[in-house]
Amino acid sequence: MHDDIISKTFQGRNGRAFLFSHAMNIVVGRKEDRHLLTGLHTVADIFCADCHELLGWKYERAYEASQKYKEGKFILEKAKIAKENW
């Protein structure tokens, strides 16, 4: 999982968040357009597959060219993920 971290400088709903290229053991919710700090995106909330807690979101679509690199990537809030052997 450590190798999947693209950036540690993102902002989640409740503080610091990480941008990941992959995520495991999650359930992806329904897509919706959301205005974020970097503009309009289509995102889907992601939940723990075991306890169903909201962990962050998946970028489905970025409307601005400079944000396209986020498409298909995952935001996981730092406070919601376990830190093991980092």
PDB file of N, CA and C in Angstrom:
ATOM      1  N   MET A   1       0.822  -1.187   0.000  1.00  0.00           N
ATOM      2  CA  MET A   1       0.000   0.000   0.000  1.00  0.00           C
ATOM      3  C   MET A   1       0.867   1.253   0.000  1.00  0.00           C
ATOM      4  N   HIS A   2       2.002   1.211   0.692  1.00  0.00           N
ATOM      5  CA  HIS A   2       2.888   2.365   0.757  1.00  0.00           C
ATOM      6  C   HIS A   2       3.341   2.804  -0.635  1.00  0.00           C
ATOM      7  N   ASP A   3       3.582   1.853  -1.523  1.00  0.00           N
ATOM      8  CA  ASP A   3       4.027   2.173  -2.881  1.00  0.00           C
ATOM      9  C   ASP A   3       2.924   2.802  -3.726  1.00  0.00           C
ATOM     10  N   ASP A   4       1.690   2.680  -3.285  1.00  0.00           N
ATOM     11  CA  ASP A   4       0.557   3.230  -4.020  1.00  0.00           C
ATOM     12  C   ASP A   4       0.267   4.693  -3.677  1.00  0.00           C
ATOM     13  N   ILE A   5       0.994   5.266  -2.717  1.00  0.00           N
ATOM     14  CA  ILE A   5       0.774   6.666  -2.346  1.00  0.00           C
ATOM     15  C   ILE A   5       1.360   7.566  -3.424  1.00  0.00           C
ATOM     16  N   ILE A   6       0.511   8.407  -3.992  1.00  0.00           N
ATOM     17  CA  ILE A   6       0.946   9.370  -4.996  1.00  0.00           C
ATOM     18  C   ILE A   6       1.303  10.690  -4.326  1.00  0.00           C
ATOM     19  N   SER A   7       0.503  11.094  -3.336  1.00  0.00           N
ATOM     20  CA  SER A   7       0.736  12.362  -2.647  1.00  0.00           C
ATOM     21  C   SER A   7       0.207  12.294  -1.222  1.00  0.00           C
ATOM     22  N   LYS A   8       0.913  12.964  -0.316  1.00  0.00           N
ATOM     23  CA  LYS A   8       0.492  13.057   1.084  1.00  0.00           C
ATOM     24  C   LYS A   8      -0.012  14.458   1.420  1.00  0.00           C
ATOM     25  N   THR A   9      -0.238  15.288   0.413  1.00  0.00           N
ATOM     26  CA  THR A   9      -0.555  16.703   0.658  1.00  0.00           C
ATOM     27  C   THR A   9      -1.991  17.074   0.303  1.00  0.00           C
ATOM     28  N   PHE A  10      -2.898  16.115   0.282  1.00  0.00           N
ATOM     29  CA  PHE A  10      -4.282  16.401  -0.064  1.00  0.00           C
ATOM     30  C   PHE A  10      -5.097  16.739   1.175  1.00  0.00           C
ATOM     31  N   GLN A  11      -6.234  17.365   0.949  1.00  0.00           N
ATOM     32  CA  GLN A  11      -7.154  17.738   2.012  1.00  0.00           C
ATOM     33  C   GLN A  11      -8.419  16.895   1.886  1.00  0.00           C
ATOM     34  N   GLY A  12      -8.784  16.220   2.953  1.00  0.00           N
ATOM     35  CA  GLY A  12     -10.027  15.454   2.985  1.00  0.00           C
ATOM     36  C   GLY A  12     -11.131  16.265   3.640  1.00  0.00           C
ATOM     37  N   ARG A  13     -12.231  15.635   3.925  1.00  0.00           N
ATOM     38  CA  ARG A  13     -13.338  16.326   4.601  1.00  0.00           C
ATOM     39  C   ARG A  13     -12.935  16.766   6.003  1.00  0.00           C
ATOM     40  N   ASN A  14     -12.123  15.943   6.666  1.00  0.00           N
ATOM     41  CA  ASN A  14     -11.795  16.182   8.078  1.00  0.00           C
ATOM     42  C   ASN A  14     -10.297  16.295   8.327  1.00  0.00           C
ATOM     43  N   GLY A  15      -9.580  16.893   7.400  1.00  0.00           N
ATOM     44  CA  GLY A  15      -8.140  17.059   7.609  1.00  0.00           C
ATOM     45  C   GLY A  15      -7.315  16.443   6.503  1.00  0.00           C
ATOM     46  N   ARG A  16      -6.071  16.143   6.852  1.00  0.00           N
ATOM     47  CA  ARG A  16      -5.099  15.638   5.891  1.00  0.00           C
ATOM     48  C   ARG A  16      -5.550  14.328   5.253  1.00  0.00           C
ATOM     49  N   ALA A  17      -5.193  14.185   3.975  1.00  0.00           N
ATOM     50  CA  ALA A  17      -5.560  12.982   3.236  1.00  0.00           C
ATOM     51  C   ALA A  17      -4.454  12.622   2.259  1.00  0.00           C
ATOM     52  N   PHE A  18      -4.459  11.379   1.820  1.00  0.00           N
ATOM     53  CA  PHE A  18      -3.468  10.874   0.876  1.00  0.00           C
ATOM     54  C   PHE A  18      -4.152  10.522  -0.435  1.00  0.00           C
ATOM     55  N   LEU A  19      -3.451  10.739  -1.530  1.00  0.00           N
ATOM     56  CA  LEU A  19      -3.919  10.310  -2.841  1.00  0.00           C
ATOM     57  C   LEU A  19      -3.236   8.991  -3.165  1.00  0.00           C
ATOM     58  N   PHE A  20      -4.043   7.962  -3.420  1.00  0.00           N
ATOM     59  CA  PHE A  20      -3.545   6.620  -3.714  1.00  0.00           C
ATOM     60  C   PHE A  20      -3.884   6.228  -5.138  1.00  0.00           C
ATOM     61  N   SER A  21      -3.017   5.441  -5.745  1.00  0.00           N
ATOM     62  CA  SER A  21      -3.299   4.908  -7.078  1.00  0.00           C
ATOM     63  C   SER A  21      -4.225   3.696  -7.000  1.00  0.00           C
ATOM     64  N   HIS A  22      -4.204   2.978  -5.882  1.00  0.00           N
ATOM     65  CA  HIS A  22      -5.032   1.786  -5.692  1.00  0.00           C
ATOM     66  C   HIS A  22      -5.567   1.775  -4.264  1.00  0.00           C
ATOM     67  N   ALA A  23      -6.686   1.105  -4.064  1.00  0.00           N
ATOM     68  CA  ALA A  23      -7.238   0.900  -2.724  1.00  0.00           C
ATOM     69  C   ALA A  23      -7.846  -0.494  -2.669  1.00  0.00           C
ATOM     70  N   MET A  24      -7.747  -1.116  -1.508  1.00  0.00           N
ATOM     71  CA  MET A  24      -8.244  -2.483  -1.329  1.00  0.00           C
ATOM     72  C   MET A  24      -9.274  -2.503  -0.214  1.00  0.00           C
ATOM     73  N   ASN A  25     -10.104  -3.521  -0.238  1.00  0.00           N
ATOM     74  CA  ASN A  25     -11.101  -3.750   0.817  1.00  0.00           C
ATOM     75  C   ASN A  25     -12.041  -2.570   0.997  1.00  0.00           C
ATOM     76  N   ILE A  26     -12.468  -2.019  -0.144  1.00  0.00           N
ATOM     77  CA  ILE A  26     -13.388  -0.889  -0.116  1.00  0.00           C
ATOM     78  C   ILE A  26     -14.645  -1.205  -0.925  1.00  0.00           C
ATOM     79  N   VAL A  27     -15.671  -0.438  -0.669  1.00  0.00           N
ATOM     80  CA  VAL A  27     -16.897  -0.447  -1.453  1.00  0.00           C
ATOM     81  C   VAL A  27     -17.047   0.965  -2.008  1.00  0.00           C
ATOM     82  N   VAL A  28     -17.307   1.061  -3.304  1.00  0.00           N
ATOM     83  CA  VAL A  28     -17.444   2.361  -3.959  1.00  0.00           C
ATOM     84  C   VAL A  28     -18.926   2.718  -4.032  1.00  0.00           C
ATOM     85  N   GLY A  29     -19.252   3.924  -3.565  1.00  0.00           N
ATOM     86  CA  GLY A  29     -20.630   4.402  -3.583  1.00  0.00           C
ATOM     87  C   GLY A  29     -21.019   4.972  -4.941  1.00  0.00           C
ATOM     88  N   ARG A  30     -22.142   5.668  -4.974  1.00  0.00           N
ATOM     89  CA  ARG A  30     -22.645   6.223  -6.231  1.00  0.00           C
ATOM     90  C   ARG A  30     -21.857   7.472  -6.623  1.00  0.00           C
ATOM     91  N   LYS A  31     -21.791   7.702  -7.911  1.00  0.00           N
ATOM     92  CA  LYS A  31     -21.072   8.861  -8.455  1.00  0.00           C
ATOM     93  C   LYS A  31     -21.909  10.117  -8.291  1.00  0.00           C
ATOM     94  N   GLU A  32     -21.207  11.232  -8.034  1.00  0.00           N
ATOM     95  CA  GLU A  32     -21.872  12.531  -7.972  1.00  0.00           C
ATOM     96  C   GLU A  32     -20.873  13.624  -8.295  1.00  0.00           C
ATOM     97  N   ASP A  33     -21.360  14.717  -8.857  1.00  0.00           N
ATOM     98  CA  ASP A  33     -20.505  15.871  -9.096  1.00  0.00           C
ATOM     99  C   ASP A  33     -20.342  16.623  -7.785  1.00  0.00           C
ATOM    100  N   ARG A  34     -19.093  17.010  -7.495  1.00  0.00           N
ATOM    101  CA  ARG A  34     -18.804  17.698  -6.246  1.00  0.00           C
ATOM    102  C   ARG A  34     -17.798  18.817  -6.514  1.00  0.00           C
ATOM    103  N   HIS A  35     -18.052  19.989  -5.958  1.00  0.00           N
ATOM    104  CA  HIS A  35     -17.107  21.103  -6.047  1.00  0.00           C
ATOM    105  C   HIS A  35     -16.081  20.944  -4.930  1.00  0.00           C
ATOM    106  N   LEU A  36     -14.838  20.672  -5.308  1.00  0.00           N
ATOM    107  CA  LEU A  36     -13.739  20.502  -4.359  1.00  0.00           C
ATOM    108  C   LEU A  36     -12.804  21.701  -4.456  1.00  0.00           C
ATOM    109  N   LEU A  37     -11.765  21.714  -3.654  1.00  0.00           N
ATOM    110  CA  LEU A  37     -10.823  22.842  -3.649  1.00  0.00           C
ATOM    111  C   LEU A  37     -10.212  23.105  -5.018  1.00  0.00           C
ATOM    112  N   THR A  38     -10.067  22.055  -5.823  1.00  0.00           N
ATOM    113  CA  THR A  38      -9.420  22.199  -7.136  1.00  0.00           C
ATOM    114  C   THR A  38     -10.415  22.221  -8.289  1.00  0.00           C
ATOM    115  N   GLY A  39     -11.699  22.430  -7.982  1.00  0.00           N
ATOM    116  CA  GLY A  39     -12.685  22.547  -9.044  1.00  0.00           C
ATOM    117  C   GLY A  39     -13.728  21.450  -9.004  1.00  0.00           C
ATOM    118  N   LEU A  40     -14.496  21.369 -10.077  1.00  0.00           N
ATOM    119  CA  LEU A  40     -15.574  20.398 -10.180  1.00  0.00           C
ATOM    120  C   LEU A  40     -15.029  19.030 -10.587  1.00  0.00           C
ATOM    121  N   HIS A  41     -15.446  18.002  -9.859  1.00  0.00           N
ATOM    122  CA  HIS A  41     -15.054  16.620 -10.139  1.00  0.00           C
ATOM    123  C   HIS A  41     -16.278  15.724  -9.990  1.00  0.00           C
ATOM    124  N   THR A  42     -16.279  14.610 -10.707  1.00  0.00           N
ATOM    125  CA  THR A  42     -17.229  13.543 -10.431  1.00  0.00           C
ATOM    126  C   THR A  42     -16.504  12.569  -9.519  1.00  0.00           C
ATOM    127  N   VAL A  43     -17.079  12.330  -8.350  1.00  0.00           N
ATOM    128  CA  VAL A  43     -16.455  11.466  -7.351  1.00  0.00           C
ATOM    129  C   VAL A  43     -17.460  10.448  -6.845  1.00  0.00           C
ATOM    130  N   ALA A  44     -16.949   9.417  -6.197  1.00  0.00           N
ATOM    131  CA  ALA A  44     -17.786   8.424  -5.519  1.00  0.00           C
ATOM    132  C   ALA A  44     -17.168   8.180  -4.150  1.00  0.00           C
ATOM    133  N   ASP A  45     -17.969   8.297  -3.102  1.00  0.00           N
ATOM    134  CA  ASP A  45     -17.462   8.017  -1.762  1.00  0.00           C
ATOM    135  C   ASP A  45     -17.015   6.570  -1.686  1.00  0.00           C
ATOM    136  N   ILE A  46     -15.993   6.319  -0.864  1.00  0.00           N
ATOM    137  CA  ILE A  46     -15.511   4.950  -0.661  1.00  0.00           C
ATOM    138  C   ILE A  46     -15.632   4.596   0.822  1.00  0.00           C
ATOM    139  N   PHE A  47     -16.016   3.358   1.055  1.00  0.00           N
ATOM    140  CA  PHE A  47     -16.298   2.874   2.401  1.00  0.00           C
ATOM    141  C   PHE A  47     -15.499   1.610   2.683  1.00  0.00           C
ATOM    142  N   CYS A  48     -15.192   1.371   3.943  1.00  0.00           N
ATOM    143  CA  CYS A  48     -14.555   0.127   4.359  1.00  0.00           C
ATOM    144  C   CYS A  48     -15.492  -1.029   4.036  1.00  0.00           C
ATOM    145  N   ALA A  49     -14.972  -2.043   3.369  1.00  0.00           N
ATOM    146  CA  ALA A  49     -15.783  -3.207   3.000  1.00  0.00           C
ATOM    147  C   ALA A  49     -16.221  -4.009   4.220  1.00  0.00           C
ATOM    148  N   ASP A  50     -15.511  -3.860   5.334  1.00  0.00           N
ATOM    149  CA  ASP A  50     -15.832  -4.620   6.541  1.00  0.00           C
ATOM    150  C   ASP A  50     -16.794  -3.859   7.454  1.00  0.00           C
ATOM    151  N   CYS A  51     -16.425  -2.637   7.855  1.00  0.00           N
ATOM    152  CA  CYS A  51     -17.234  -1.893   8.836  1.00  0.00           C
ATOM    153  C   CYS A  51     -18.114  -0.818   8.199  1.00  0.00           C
ATOM    154  N   HIS A  52     -17.947  -0.565   6.907  1.00  0.00           N
ATOM    155  CA  HIS A  52     -18.756   0.394   6.137  1.00  0.00           C
ATOM    156  C   HIS A  52     -18.546   1.855   6.535  1.00  0.00           C
ATOM    157  N   GLU A  53     -17.441   2.156   7.206  1.00  0.00           N
ATOM    158  CA  GLU A  53     -17.139   3.537   7.562  1.00  0.00           C
ATOM    159  C   GLU A  53     -16.655   4.287   6.323  1.00  0.00           C
ATOM    160  N   LEU A  54     -17.061   5.540   6.214  1.00  0.00           N
ATOM    161  CA  LEU A  54     -16.617   6.398   5.115  1.00  0.00           C
ATOM    162  C   LEU A  54     -15.130   6.673   5.263  1.00  0.00           C
ATOM    163  N   LEU A  55     -14.351   6.372   4.216  1.00  0.00           N
ATOM    164  CA  LEU A  55     -12.894   6.533   4.258  1.00  0.00           C
ATOM    165  C   LEU A  55     -12.396   7.694   3.420  1.00  0.00           C
ATOM    166  N   GLY A  56     -13.141   8.065   2.386  1.00  0.00           N
ATOM    167  CA  GLY A  56     -12.706   9.110   1.466  1.00  0.00           C
ATOM    168  C   GLY A  56     -13.535   9.040   0.202  1.00  0.00           C
ATOM    169  N   TRP A  57     -12.884   9.235  -0.949  1.00  0.00           N
ATOM    170  CA  TRP A  57     -13.604   9.166  -2.216  1.00  0.00           C
ATOM    171  C   TRP A  57     -12.690   8.746  -3.352  1.00  0.00           C
ATOM    172  N   LYS A  58     -13.322   8.339  -4.450  1.00  0.00           N
ATOM    173  CA  LYS A  58     -12.619   7.991  -5.677  1.00  0.00           C
ATOM    174  C   LYS A  58     -12.921   9.072  -6.708  1.00  0.00           C
ATOM    175  N   TYR A  59     -11.885   9.555  -7.371  1.00  0.00           N
ATOM    176  CA  TYR A  59     -12.066  10.503  -8.467  1.00  0.00           C
ATOM    177  C   TYR A  59     -12.475   9.734  -9.714  1.00  0.00           C
ATOM    178  N   GLU A  60     -13.667   9.953 -10.185  1.00  0.00           N
ATOM    179  CA  GLU A  60     -14.135   9.315 -11.402  1.00  0.00           C
ATOM    180  C   GLU A  60     -13.849  10.180 -12.629  1.00  0.00           C
ATOM    181  N   ARG A  61     -14.016  11.502 -12.479  1.00  0.00           N
ATOM    182  CA  ARG A  61     -13.795  12.414 -13.601  1.00  0.00           C
ATOM    183  C   ARG A  61     -13.351  13.772 -13.079  1.00  0.00           C
ATOM    184  N   ALA A  62     -12.383  14.351 -13.762  1.00  0.00           N
ATOM    185  CA  ALA A  62     -11.948  15.719 -13.497  1.00  0.00           C
ATOM    186  C   ALA A  62     -12.303  16.556 -14.721  1.00  0.00           C
ATOM    187  N   TYR A  63     -12.915  17.695 -14.500  1.00  0.00           N
ATOM    188  CA  TYR A  63     -13.374  18.514 -15.610  1.00  0.00           C
ATOM    189  C   TYR A  63     -12.302  19.470 -16.133  1.00  0.00           C
ATOM    190  N   GLU A  64     -11.302  19.759 -15.315  1.00  0.00           N
ATOM    191  CA  GLU A  64     -10.214  20.640 -15.746  1.00  0.00           C
ATOM    192  C   GLU A  64      -9.013  19.801 -16.168  1.00  0.00           C
ATOM    193  N   ALA A  65      -8.386  20.210 -17.260  1.00  0.00           N
ATOM    194  CA  ALA A  65      -7.267  19.441 -17.824  1.00  0.00           C
ATOM    195  C   ALA A  65      -6.144  19.217 -16.804  1.00  0.00           C
ATOM    196  N   SER A  66      -5.864  20.213 -15.981  1.00  0.00           N
ATOM    197  CA  SER A  66      -4.767  20.107 -15.014  1.00  0.00           C
ATOM    198  C   SER A  66      -5.057  19.104 -13.898  1.00  0.00           C
ATOM    199  N   GLN A  67      -6.299  18.664 -13.783  1.00  0.00           N
ATOM    200  CA  GLN A  67      -6.695  17.743 -12.722  1.00  0.00           C
ATOM    201  C   GLN A  67      -6.937  16.316 -13.214  1.00  0.00           C
ATOM    202  N   LYS A  68      -6.750  16.074 -14.500  1.00  0.00           N
ATOM    203  CA  LYS A  68      -7.036  14.762 -15.096  1.00  0.00           C
ATOM    204  C   LYS A  68      -6.216  13.625 -14.470  1.00  0.00           C
ATOM    205  N   TYR A  69      -5.044  13.938 -13.930  1.00  0.00           N
ATOM    206  CA  TYR A  69      -4.194  12.897 -13.339  1.00  0.00           C
ATOM    207  C   TYR A  69      -4.871  12.210 -12.144  1.00  0.00           C
ATOM    208  N   LYS A  70      -5.901  12.828 -11.577  1.00  0.00           N
ATOM    209  CA  LYS A  70      -6.600  12.260 -10.418  1.00  0.00           C
ATOM    210  C   LYS A  70      -7.617  11.185 -10.802  1.00  0.00           C
ATOM    211  N   GLU A  71      -8.011  11.143 -12.057  1.00  0.00           N
ATOM    212  CA  GLU A  71      -9.057  10.216 -12.469  1.00  0.00           C
ATOM    213  C   GLU A  71      -8.663   8.770 -12.167  1.00  0.00           C
ATOM    214  N   GLY A  72      -9.587   8.043 -11.535  1.00  0.00           N
ATOM    215  CA  GLY A  72      -9.333   6.658 -11.165  1.00  0.00           C
ATOM    216  C   GLY A  72      -8.539   6.481  -9.886  1.00  0.00           C
ATOM    217  N   LYS A  73      -8.165   7.593  -9.255  1.00  0.00           N
ATOM    218  CA  LYS A  73      -7.363   7.552  -8.022  1.00  0.00           C
ATOM    219  C   LYS A  73      -8.271   7.707  -6.801  1.00  0.00           C
ATOM    220  N   PHE A  74      -7.709   7.447  -5.618  1.00  0.00           N
ATOM    221  CA  PHE A  74      -8.469   7.404  -4.380  1.00  0.00           C
ATOM    222  C   PHE A  74      -7.914   8.377  -3.343  1.00  0.00           C
ATOM    223  N   ILE A  75      -8.806   9.079  -2.674  1.00  0.00           N
ATOM    224  CA  ILE A  75      -8.451   9.900  -1.518  1.00  0.00           C
ATOM    225  C   ILE A  75      -8.832   9.116  -0.272  1.00  0.00           C
ATOM    226  N   LEU A  76      -7.860   8.870   0.597  1.00  0.00           N
ATOM    227  CA  LEU A  76      -8.111   8.227   1.883  1.00  0.00           C
ATOM    228  C   LEU A  76      -7.691   9.201   2.974  1.00  0.00           C
ATOM    229  N   GLU A  77      -8.611   9.484   3.883  1.00  0.00           N
ATOM    230  CA  GLU A  77      -8.307  10.414   4.963  1.00  0.00           C
ATOM    231  C   GLU A  77      -7.347   9.759   5.947  1.00  0.00           C
ATOM    232  N   LYS A  78      -6.322  10.500   6.304  1.00  0.00           N
ATOM    233  CA  LYS A  78      -5.280   9.973   7.183  1.00  0.00           C
ATOM    234  C   LYS A  78      -5.856   9.414   8.483  1.00  0.00           C
ATOM    235  N   ALA A  79      -6.810  10.110   9.067  1.00  0.00           N
ATOM    236  CA  ALA A  79      -7.389   9.685  10.352  1.00  0.00           C
ATOM    237  C   ALA A  79      -8.191   8.393  10.233  1.00  0.00           C
ATOM    238  N   LYS A  80      -8.532   7.980   9.019  1.00  0.00           N
ATOM    239  CA  LYS A  80      -9.392   6.799   8.825  1.00  0.00           C
ATOM    240  C   LYS A  80      -8.627   5.533   8.445  1.00  0.00           C
ATOM    241  N   ILE A  81      -7.332   5.649   8.205  1.00  0.00           N
ATOM    242  CA  ILE A  81      -6.586   4.468   7.778  1.00  0.00           C
ATOM    243  C   ILE A  81      -5.572   4.056   8.849  1.00  0.00           C
ATOM    244  N   ALA A  82      -5.355   2.772   8.985  1.00  0.00           N
ATOM    245  CA  ALA A  82      -4.406   2.240   9.947  1.00  0.00           C
ATOM    246  C   ALA A  82      -2.999   2.367   9.386  1.00  0.00           C
ATOM    247  N   LYS A  83      -2.069   2.737  10.226  1.00  0.00           N
ATOM    248  CA  LYS A  83      -0.679   2.874   9.803  1.00  0.00           C
ATOM    249  C   LYS A  83       0.100   1.671  10.340  1.00  0.00           C
ATOM    250  N   GLU A  84       0.446   0.784   9.418  1.00  0.00           N
ATOM    251  CA  GLU A  84       1.191  -0.419   9.796  1.00  0.00           C
ATOM    252  C   GLU A  84       2.424  -0.549   8.932  1.00  0.00           C
ATOM    253  N   ASN A  85       3.585  -0.596   9.564  1.00  0.00           N
ATOM    254  CA  ASN A  85       4.869  -0.825   8.873  1.00  0.00           C
ATOM    255  C   ASN A  85       5.158   0.174   7.764  1.00  0.00           C
ATOM    256  N   TRP A  86       4.882   1.459   8.015  1.00  0.00           N
ATOM    257  CA  TRP A  86       5.175   2.487   7.018  1.00  0.00           C
ATOM    258  C   TRP A  86       6.568   2.920   7.212  1.00  0.00           C
TER     259      TRP A  86
END
